[in-house]
Amino acid sequence: MRPEEVAAALSNPRRLRILAWLSRPRANFPPQVDGDLVKDGVCGLFIARKLGVTQASVSEHLRVLTDLGLLRSKRIKQWTFYKRDEKRIAAAKGALQRSF
């Protein structure tokens, strides 16, 4: 993981907010019909609503975070759920620290 990729992904305040919210999903999102907030992750639709953006807009933010490995996605029925990958987040922090 290259520090410039991490910095670029995290330079967007909405992506930082998503990561922060997903660190405490039960405190930040309502219960879901499908999927457990902690075990399965949070539905992308809930994330879009909380950010106040369209599904297309949130999909791009989630794609960037997922491609970098900071989030993992899981399909349940027609929905995609997202949760943090704590090992990859720790690696990203380390990459940033080593670059300074």
Protein backbone atom coordinates (compact mmCIF):
# COMPACT_ATOMS: atom_id res chain seq x y z
CA MET A 1 0.00 0.00 0.00
CA ARG A 2 1.52 3.27 -1.12
CA PRO A 3 1.19 6.32 1.15
CA GLU A 4 0.14 8.57 -1.75
CA GLU A 5 -2.80 6.25 -2.51
CA VAL A 6 -3.88 6.34 1.14
CA ALA A 7 -3.51 10.13 1.29
CA ALA A 8 -5.51 10.59 -1.92
CA ALA A 9 -8.32 8.33 -0.69
CA LEU A 10 -8.49 10.01 2.71
CA SER A 11 -8.25 13.56 1.37
CA ASN A 12 -12.01 13.56 0.87
CA PRO A 13 -13.93 14.52 4.04
CA ARG A 14 -16.88 12.31 3.09
CA ARG A 15 -14.64 9.24 2.97
CA LEU A 16 -13.24 10.11 6.39
CA ARG A 17 -16.79 10.46 7.72
CA ILE A 18 -17.75 7.07 6.29
CA LEU A 19 -14.77 5.42 7.98
CA ALA A 20 -15.57 7.14 11.27
CA TRP A 21 -19.25 6.13 11.14
CA LEU A 22 -18.38 2.54 10.31
CA SER A 23 -16.09 2.34 13.35
CA ARG A 24 -19.28 2.42 15.48
CA PRO A 25 -22.07 1.18 13.19
CA ARG A 26 -24.70 0.60 15.89
CA ALA A 27 -24.25 4.14 17.19
CA ASN A 28 -24.43 5.71 13.72
CA PHE A 29 -26.99 3.70 11.74
CA PRO A 30 -30.49 2.33 12.34
CA PRO A 31 -31.12 -1.42 12.57
CA GLN A 32 -31.30 -3.18 9.21
CA VAL A 33 -33.81 -5.76 8.02
CA ASP A 34 -31.09 -7.76 6.26
CA GLY A 35 -27.59 -8.07 7.63
CA ASP A 36 -26.17 -7.35 11.06
CA LEU A 37 -24.60 -3.89 11.34
CA VAL A 38 -21.44 -5.24 12.99
CA LYS A 39 -21.08 -8.71 11.49
CA ASP A 40 -22.17 -7.95 7.92
CA GLY A 41 -21.64 -4.20 7.67
CA VAL A 42 -23.86 -1.27 6.82
CA CYS A 43 -26.03 -1.11 3.71
CA GLY A 44 -24.71 1.37 1.15
CA LEU A 45 -28.16 2.95 0.95
CA PHE A 46 -28.00 3.89 4.67
CA ILE A 47 -24.56 5.42 4.13
CA ALA A 48 -25.85 7.46 1.16
CA ARG A 49 -28.82 8.73 3.17
CA LYS A 50 -26.64 9.71 6.14
CA LEU A 51 -24.21 11.55 3.85
CA GLY A 52 -27.09 13.23 2.03
CA VAL A 53 -25.85 12.14 -1.40
CA THR A 54 -27.12 9.95 -4.22
CA GLN A 55 -26.37 6.25 -4.40
CA ALA A 56 -24.12 6.94 -7.40
CA SER A 57 -22.08 9.44 -5.41
CA VAL A 58 -21.69 7.21 -2.36
CA SER A 59 -20.86 4.25 -4.61
CA GLU A 60 -17.79 6.10 -5.88
CA HIS A 61 -16.61 6.90 -2.34
CA LEU A 62 -17.19 3.30 -1.25
CA ARG A 63 -15.41 1.98 -4.35
CA VAL A 64 -12.29 4.05 -3.57
CA LEU A 65 -12.22 2.83 0.03
CA THR A 66 -12.91 -0.77 -1.00
CA ASP A 67 -10.30 -0.76 -3.80
CA LEU A 68 -7.71 0.42 -1.28
CA GLY A 69 -8.80 -2.36 1.07
CA LEU A 70 -9.99 -0.11 3.89
CA LEU A 71 -13.52 -1.46 3.53
CA ARG A 72 -14.85 -4.91 2.73
CA SER A 73 -18.11 -5.37 0.88
CA LYS A 74 -20.63 -8.17 1.18
CA ARG A 75 -23.72 -8.85 -0.92
CA ILE A 76 -26.92 -9.94 0.80
CA LYS A 77 -29.91 -10.25 -1.50
CA GLN A 78 -29.86 -7.13 -3.72
CA TRP A 79 -27.95 -5.00 -1.19
CA THR A 80 -24.24 -4.37 -0.65
CA PHE A 81 -23.00 -3.97 2.92
CA TYR A 82 -19.74 -2.33 3.96
CA LYS A 83 -17.53 -2.74 7.01
CA ARG A 84 -14.07 -1.61 7.96
CA ASP A 85 -11.04 -3.85 7.49
CA GLU A 86 -9.13 -3.00 10.64
CA LYS A 87 -5.90 -4.76 9.55
CA ARG A 88 -5.78 -2.80 6.31
CA ILE A 89 -6.59 0.45 8.14
CA ALA A 90 -3.67 -0.22 10.51
CA ALA A 91 -1.43 -0.90 7.50
CA ALA A 92 -2.57 2.36 5.89
CA LYS A 93 -1.77 4.28 9.08
CA GLY A 94 1.66 2.66 9.13
CA ALA A 95 2.28 3.55 5.48
CA LEU A 96 1.44 7.18 6.18
CA GLN A 97 3.61 7.30 9.30
CA ARG A 98 6.60 5.81 7.50
CA SER A 99 6.34 8.39 4.71
CA PHE A 100 6.97 11.34 7.06
